[in-house]
Amino acid sequence: MATAIIDGITTRYEVIGSGPPLLMYAPGGFNATIETWRTQGVYAKIKLLDHLPKHYTCIVFDRRECGQSGGRVERVTWAHYVAQGKGLLDHLGIARAHIMGGCMGCCPVAAFGVAYPQATLSMILFWPVGGAKYRINGHQRFAEHLGFVQQHGLAEVVALVAKDGKPFGADPRGGPWASVIRHDRAFAERYAKLDAEPYRLIVAGMVRTLFDRDTAPGAEPEDMLRLDIPALIVPGRDAAHATSAARYLEECLPGAEYWDVPVADQTEETVPGRVLAFLDRVSAAGRP
């Protein structure tokens, strides 16, 4: 694994395969790491990294505040995740790339397309998160963390993470910087000494920004409606990946291809071939 410093934050990444570049925002919610492409739910079944690198240069990375990447206590927005991906492409000297996201990774993909349309060859949105239950659960997770901070303080957050080592998605009490606390002692020491009141305001603003609607978050519909970027949408169907969120993205992205396939039929035999067919067609057509 390699690392790059992007906006002062370490990003752990890996480049796999050869061919046109494909930047991949990992699934896994607040545990979006390189490994989740192989181990998380449906992704373990469809094995994209066994197939896509044979045709494309797959750029995978730990999202900031996840895995072995670093972080910074600030009001993190989708734009921050976009900046990490664009910074990684710049670090690698890549001007334009296909952009793929799984799960919560779909949100920065949509935002990436809006922010850098000329750098975006295509977008693949696999199991986009969204729906009323997703928003409610997201707010609840942050509320549990803030409740723990209110009752015990930030030093106890550090002690909890040091003891159990769980990421935010596995134990909400540890908060969105749990993974950084776990592997970066200097960060953990600074975190423990933060003033709790400004910290609570940062976290409260962060959750309201990231989970601000009952459909797919990430980019405003008016901005997506103006895009002319080929897109493939593959729907999920559960409490975190409402099918309505995928349909919303279909509505907002002009000319998007919506692969209306049941989850049970999304297998290693069907998905990699469908994704590659889309990428090959876009690559062959080219974009001005």
Protein backbone atom coordinates (compact mmCIF):
# COMPACT_ATOMS: atom_id res chain seq x y z
CA MET A 1 0.00 0.00 0.00
CA ALA A 2 1.12 3.54 -0.75
CA THR A 3 0.24 6.84 0.90
CA ALA A 4 -0.17 10.39 -0.31
CA ILE A 5 -0.61 13.64 1.61
CA ILE A 6 -3.72 15.44 0.35
CA ASP A 7 -4.64 18.75 1.96
CA GLY A 8 -2.41 17.85 4.88
CA ILE A 9 -4.14 14.50 5.47
CA THR A 10 -2.63 11.08 4.77
CA THR A 11 -4.49 8.93 2.24
CA ARG A 12 -3.75 5.22 2.03
CA TYR A 13 -4.26 3.95 -1.51
CA GLU A 14 -3.49 1.18 -3.97
CA VAL A 15 -3.36 1.12 -7.76
CA ILE A 16 -4.42 -2.22 -9.22
CA GLY A 17 -4.44 -3.35 -12.85
CA SER A 18 -3.90 -1.48 -16.11
CA GLY A 19 -5.95 0.39 -18.66
CA PRO A 20 -8.06 3.57 -18.42
CA PRO A 21 -8.19 4.95 -14.84
CA LEU A 22 -11.11 4.13 -12.54
CA LEU A 23 -11.24 5.94 -9.19
CA MET A 24 -13.24 3.89 -6.70
CA TYR A 25 -14.91 5.37 -3.59
CA ALA A 26 -15.28 2.39 -1.25
CA PRO A 27 -18.47 1.07 0.36
CA GLY A 28 -18.79 0.55 4.07
CA GLY A 29 -20.31 3.75 5.42
CA PHE A 30 -17.87 5.21 7.94
CA ASN A 31 -15.54 2.25 7.45
CA ALA A 32 -14.88 2.86 3.76
CA THR A 33 -11.55 1.13 3.21
CA ILE A 34 -9.76 -0.64 0.40
CA GLU A 35 -10.64 -3.96 1.98
CA THR A 36 -14.41 -3.42 1.98
CA TRP A 37 -14.47 -3.84 -1.81
CA ARG A 38 -13.64 -7.49 -1.09
CA THR A 39 -15.31 -8.11 2.28
CA GLN A 40 -18.47 -5.99 2.58
CA GLY A 41 -21.85 -7.59 1.89
CA VAL A 42 -22.73 -7.73 -1.80
CA TYR A 43 -19.21 -6.64 -2.81
CA ALA A 44 -17.74 -9.82 -1.36
CA LYS A 45 -20.15 -11.73 -3.61
CA ILE A 46 -19.62 -9.86 -6.89
CA LYS A 47 -15.79 -9.61 -6.54
CA LEU A 48 -15.28 -6.48 -8.63
CA LEU A 49 -11.56 -6.30 -7.86
CA ASP A 50 -11.10 -9.77 -9.33
CA HIS A 51 -12.43 -8.54 -12.68
CA LEU A 52 -12.17 -4.78 -13.23
CA PRO A 53 -8.35 -4.53 -12.90
CA LYS A 54 -7.95 -6.85 -15.90
CA HIS A 55 -9.24 -4.01 -18.07
CA TYR A 56 -8.93 -0.83 -16.02
CA THR A 57 -6.46 0.82 -13.66
CA CYS A 58 -8.41 0.67 -10.41
CA ILE A 59 -7.46 3.33 -7.86
CA VAL A 60 -8.77 2.28 -4.45
CA PHE A 61 -8.23 4.09 -1.18
CA ASP A 62 -9.26 4.46 2.44
CA ARG A 63 -11.59 7.44 2.64
CA ARG A 64 -10.40 10.11 5.06
CA GLU A 65 -11.27 9.23 8.66
CA CYS A 66 -11.44 5.57 7.62
CA GLY A 67 -9.00 2.67 7.85
CA GLN A 68 -5.39 3.84 7.77
CA SER A 69 -6.09 7.24 6.23
CA GLY A 70 -5.81 10.29 8.42
CA GLY A 71 -8.36 12.90 9.36
CA ARG A 72 -8.95 16.30 10.83
CA VAL A 73 -11.63 17.49 13.24
CA GLU A 74 -13.70 19.79 11.08
CA ARG A 75 -17.21 19.94 9.68
CA VAL A 76 -16.68 17.29 7.00
CA THR A 77 -18.90 17.63 3.92
CA TRP A 78 -19.22 15.72 0.65
CA ALA A 79 -16.92 18.35 -0.86
CA HIS A 80 -14.13 17.20 1.47
CA TYR A 81 -14.45 13.65 0.16
CA VAL A 82 -14.46 14.95 -3.41
CA ALA A 83 -11.28 16.89 -2.69
CA GLN A 84 -9.58 13.74 -1.42
CA GLY A 85 -10.39 11.81 -4.61
CA LYS A 86 -9.42 14.67 -6.91
CA GLY A 87 -6.22 15.20 -4.93
CA LEU A 88 -5.35 11.54 -5.33
CA LEU A 89 -5.85 11.74 -9.09
CA ASP A 90 -3.66 14.84 -9.20
CA HIS A 91 -1.02 13.05 -7.13
CA LEU A 92 -1.00 10.23 -9.69
CA GLY A 93 -0.91 12.64 -12.64
CA ILE A 94 -4.34 11.59 -13.94
CA ALA A 95 -6.40 14.36 -15.54
CA ARG A 96 -9.58 12.39 -16.28
CA ALA A 97 -11.00 9.16 -14.89
CA HIS A 98 -14.10 7.05 -14.58
CA ILE A 99 -15.49 7.47 -11.05
CA MET A 100 -17.21 4.63 -9.20
CA GLY A 101 -18.79 4.50 -5.78
CA GLY A 102 -20.37 1.80 -3.67
CA CYS A 103 -22.87 2.45 -0.88
CA MET A 104 -22.03 5.79 0.81
CA GLY A 105 -19.26 6.15 -1.79
CA CYS A 106 -21.94 7.06 -4.33
CA CYS A 107 -22.49 10.41 -2.61
CA PRO A 108 -19.00 11.81 -3.32
CA VAL A 109 -19.17 10.35 -6.84
CA ALA A 110 -22.23 12.46 -7.65
CA ALA A 111 -20.60 15.46 -5.99
CA PHE A 112 -17.37 14.79 -7.91
CA GLY A 113 -19.24 14.88 -11.21
CA VAL A 114 -20.79 18.22 -10.29
CA ALA A 115 -17.52 19.75 -9.10
CA TYR A 116 -15.25 18.36 -11.85
CA PRO A 117 -17.36 17.42 -14.89
CA GLN A 118 -14.43 17.67 -17.30
CA ALA A 119 -12.37 15.30 -15.16
CA THR A 120 -15.20 12.75 -14.97
CA LEU A 121 -15.36 10.27 -17.84
CA SER A 122 -18.34 8.44 -16.34
CA MET A 123 -20.02 7.68 -13.04
CA ILE A 124 -20.98 4.28 -11.66
CA LEU A 125 -23.32 4.42 -8.68
CA PHE A 126 -23.60 0.98 -7.11
CA TRP A 127 -26.16 0.58 -4.33
CA PRO A 128 -26.46 4.31 -3.56
CA VAL A 129 -27.36 5.02 0.05
CA GLY A 130 -30.51 6.94 0.84
CA GLY A 131 -34.07 6.84 2.01
CA ALA A 132 -35.89 7.98 5.16
CA LYS A 133 -34.56 5.10 7.28
CA TYR A 134 -30.99 5.86 6.20
CA ARG A 135 -31.32 9.51 7.25
CA ILE A 136 -32.94 8.62 10.57
CA ASN A 137 -30.31 6.00 11.39
CA GLY A 138 -27.50 8.37 10.41
CA HIS A 139 -28.77 11.09 12.73
CA GLN A 140 -29.23 8.54 15.51
CA ARG A 141 -25.62 7.36 15.17
CA PHE A 142 -24.27 10.88 15.58
CA ALA A 143 -26.67 11.56 18.46
CA GLU A 144 -25.33 8.51 20.32
CA HIS A 145 -21.80 9.81 19.92
CA LEU A 146 -22.71 13.31 21.12
CA GLY A 147 -24.58 11.81 24.06
CA PHE A 148 -21.46 9.87 25.05
CA VAL A 149 -19.34 13.02 24.74
CA GLN A 150 -21.84 14.98 26.83
CA GLN A 151 -21.77 12.38 29.59
CA HIS A 152 -18.12 11.30 29.59
CA GLY A 153 -15.98 13.80 27.65
CA LEU A 154 -13.58 13.44 24.74
CA ALA A 155 -10.82 11.77 26.74
CA GLU A 156 -13.20 8.90 27.43
CA VAL A 157 -13.95 8.64 23.71
CA VAL A 158 -10.23 8.04 23.19
CA ALA A 159 -10.17 5.48 26.00
CA LEU A 160 -13.17 3.66 24.54
CA VAL A 161 -11.65 3.46 21.06
CA ALA A 162 -8.29 2.36 22.46
CA LYS A 163 -10.01 -0.43 24.37
CA ASP A 164 -12.40 -1.75 21.73
CA GLY A 165 -10.85 -0.51 18.47
CA LYS A 166 -14.18 -0.29 16.68
CA PRO A 167 -14.89 2.14 13.82
CA PHE A 168 -17.79 4.60 14.02
CA GLY A 169 -20.15 2.34 12.09
CA ALA A 170 -19.61 -0.53 14.53
CA ASP A 171 -19.84 1.56 17.72
CA PRO A 172 -21.38 5.03 17.36
CA ARG A 173 -20.00 6.13 20.74
CA GLY A 174 -16.50 6.40 19.23
CA GLY A 175 -17.58 9.03 16.72
CA PRO A 176 -16.53 9.78 13.14
CA TRP A 177 -12.83 10.09 14.04
CA ALA A 178 -12.62 6.71 15.79
CA SER A 179 -10.44 5.09 13.13
CA VAL A 180 -7.92 7.94 13.23
CA ILE A 181 -7.86 7.83 17.03
CA ARG A 182 -7.13 4.11 16.86
CA HIS A 183 -4.04 4.28 14.63
CA ASP A 184 -2.63 7.80 15.23
CA ARG A 185 -1.48 8.39 18.79
CA ALA A 186 -0.61 12.07 18.22
CA PHE A 187 -4.07 12.70 16.78
CA ALA A 188 -5.67 10.88 19.73
CA GLU A 189 -3.76 13.04 22.20
CA ARG A 190 -4.86 16.25 20.47
CA TYR A 191 -8.43 15.00 20.21
CA ALA A 192 -8.66 14.22 23.93
CA LYS A 193 -7.75 17.84 24.76
CA LEU A 194 -10.30 19.51 22.48
CA ASP A 195 -12.90 21.84 23.95
CA ALA A 196 -16.10 19.81 24.03
CA GLU A 197 -18.54 22.62 23.19
CA PRO A 198 -16.99 23.70 19.85
CA TYR A 199 -16.55 20.01 19.07
CA ARG A 200 -20.26 19.33 19.57
CA LEU A 201 -21.12 22.18 17.18
CA ILE A 202 -18.80 20.73 14.53
CA VAL A 203 -20.36 17.29 14.81
CA ALA A 204 -23.92 18.63 14.84
CA GLY A 205 -23.22 20.61 11.67
CA MET A 206 -21.54 17.62 10.05
CA VAL A 207 -24.49 15.26 10.47
CA ARG A 208 -26.95 17.87 9.24
CA THR A 209 -24.82 18.40 6.14
CA LEU A 210 -24.22 14.74 5.28
CA PHE A 211 -27.74 13.44 6.05
CA ASP A 212 -29.89 16.31 4.85
CA ARG A 213 -32.64 14.57 2.85
CA ASP A 214 -34.80 11.46 2.60
CA THR A 215 -33.27 10.43 -0.71
CA ALA A 216 -29.72 10.08 -2.05
CA PRO A 217 -27.47 12.78 -0.54
CA GLY A 218 -24.28 14.14 -2.08
CA ALA A 219 -25.26 16.66 -4.77
CA GLU A 220 -28.11 19.04 -5.40
CA PRO A 221 -30.68 17.92 -8.00
CA GLU A 222 -30.41 21.18 -9.95
CA ASP A 223 -26.66 20.60 -10.35
CA MET A 224 -27.03 16.96 -11.39
CA LEU A 225 -29.72 17.84 -13.93
CA ARG A 226 -27.17 19.98 -15.77
CA LEU A 227 -24.60 17.21 -16.12
CA ASP A 228 -23.73 15.52 -19.39
CA ILE A 229 -21.81 12.57 -17.97
CA PRO A 230 -22.61 8.91 -18.75
CA ALA A 231 -23.83 7.16 -15.60
CA LEU A 232 -24.73 3.62 -14.59
CA ILE A 233 -26.97 3.13 -11.55
CA VAL A 234 -27.31 -0.26 -9.85
CA PRO A 235 -29.97 -0.27 -7.10
CA GLY A 236 -29.85 -1.85 -3.69
CA ARG A 237 -32.86 -2.63 -1.56
CA ASP A 238 -32.60 -2.42 2.21
CA ALA A 239 -32.85 0.10 5.04
CA ALA A 240 -29.62 1.88 4.07
CA HIS A 241 -29.88 1.58 0.28
CA ALA A 242 -33.47 2.41 -0.59
CA THR A 243 -34.42 1.65 -4.17
CA SER A 244 -36.11 5.05 -4.20
CA ALA A 245 -32.69 6.68 -3.79
CA ALA A 246 -31.41 4.93 -6.91
CA ARG A 247 -34.52 5.97 -8.84
CA TYR A 248 -34.00 9.55 -7.67
CA LEU A 249 -30.51 9.56 -9.14
CA GLU A 250 -31.90 8.16 -12.38
CA GLU A 251 -34.34 11.07 -12.46
CA CYS A 252 -31.64 13.66 -11.77
CA LEU A 253 -28.88 12.39 -14.09
CA PRO A 254 -29.81 12.96 -17.75
CA GLY A 255 -29.29 9.88 -19.85
CA ALA A 256 -28.38 7.65 -16.89
CA GLU A 257 -28.62 3.91 -17.40
CA TYR A 258 -30.64 2.28 -14.64
CA TRP A 259 -29.93 -1.44 -14.39
CA ASP A 260 -33.25 -2.70 -13.08
CA VAL A 261 -32.04 -6.00 -11.70
CA PRO A 262 -33.15 -7.64 -8.41
CA VAL A 263 -30.55 -7.86 -5.69
CA ALA A 264 -30.70 -11.66 -5.80
CA ASP A 265 -29.55 -11.54 -9.42
CA GLN A 266 -26.57 -9.31 -8.71
CA THR A 267 -23.82 -11.92 -8.75
CA GLU A 268 -20.24 -12.38 -9.86
CA GLU A 269 -21.62 -13.80 -13.09
CA THR A 270 -23.73 -10.73 -13.89
CA VAL A 271 -22.34 -7.58 -12.28
CA PRO A 272 -18.68 -7.33 -13.40
CA GLY A 273 -19.67 -7.97 -17.02
CA ARG A 274 -22.40 -5.30 -16.88
CA VAL A 275 -20.04 -2.74 -15.35
CA LEU A 276 -17.29 -3.53 -17.87
CA ALA A 277 -19.72 -3.31 -20.79
CA PHE A 278 -20.73 0.18 -19.63
CA LEU A 279 -17.12 1.31 -19.14
CA ASP A 280 -16.01 -0.12 -22.47
CA ARG A 281 -18.82 1.59 -24.32
CA VAL A 282 -18.05 4.96 -22.72
CA SER A 283 -14.33 4.55 -23.35
CA ALA A 284 -14.94 3.65 -26.99
CA ALA A 285 -17.24 6.63 -27.53
CA GLY A 286 -14.89 9.08 -25.87
CA ARG A 287 -15.84 12.41 -24.33
CA PRO A 288 -14.82 15.86 -25.65
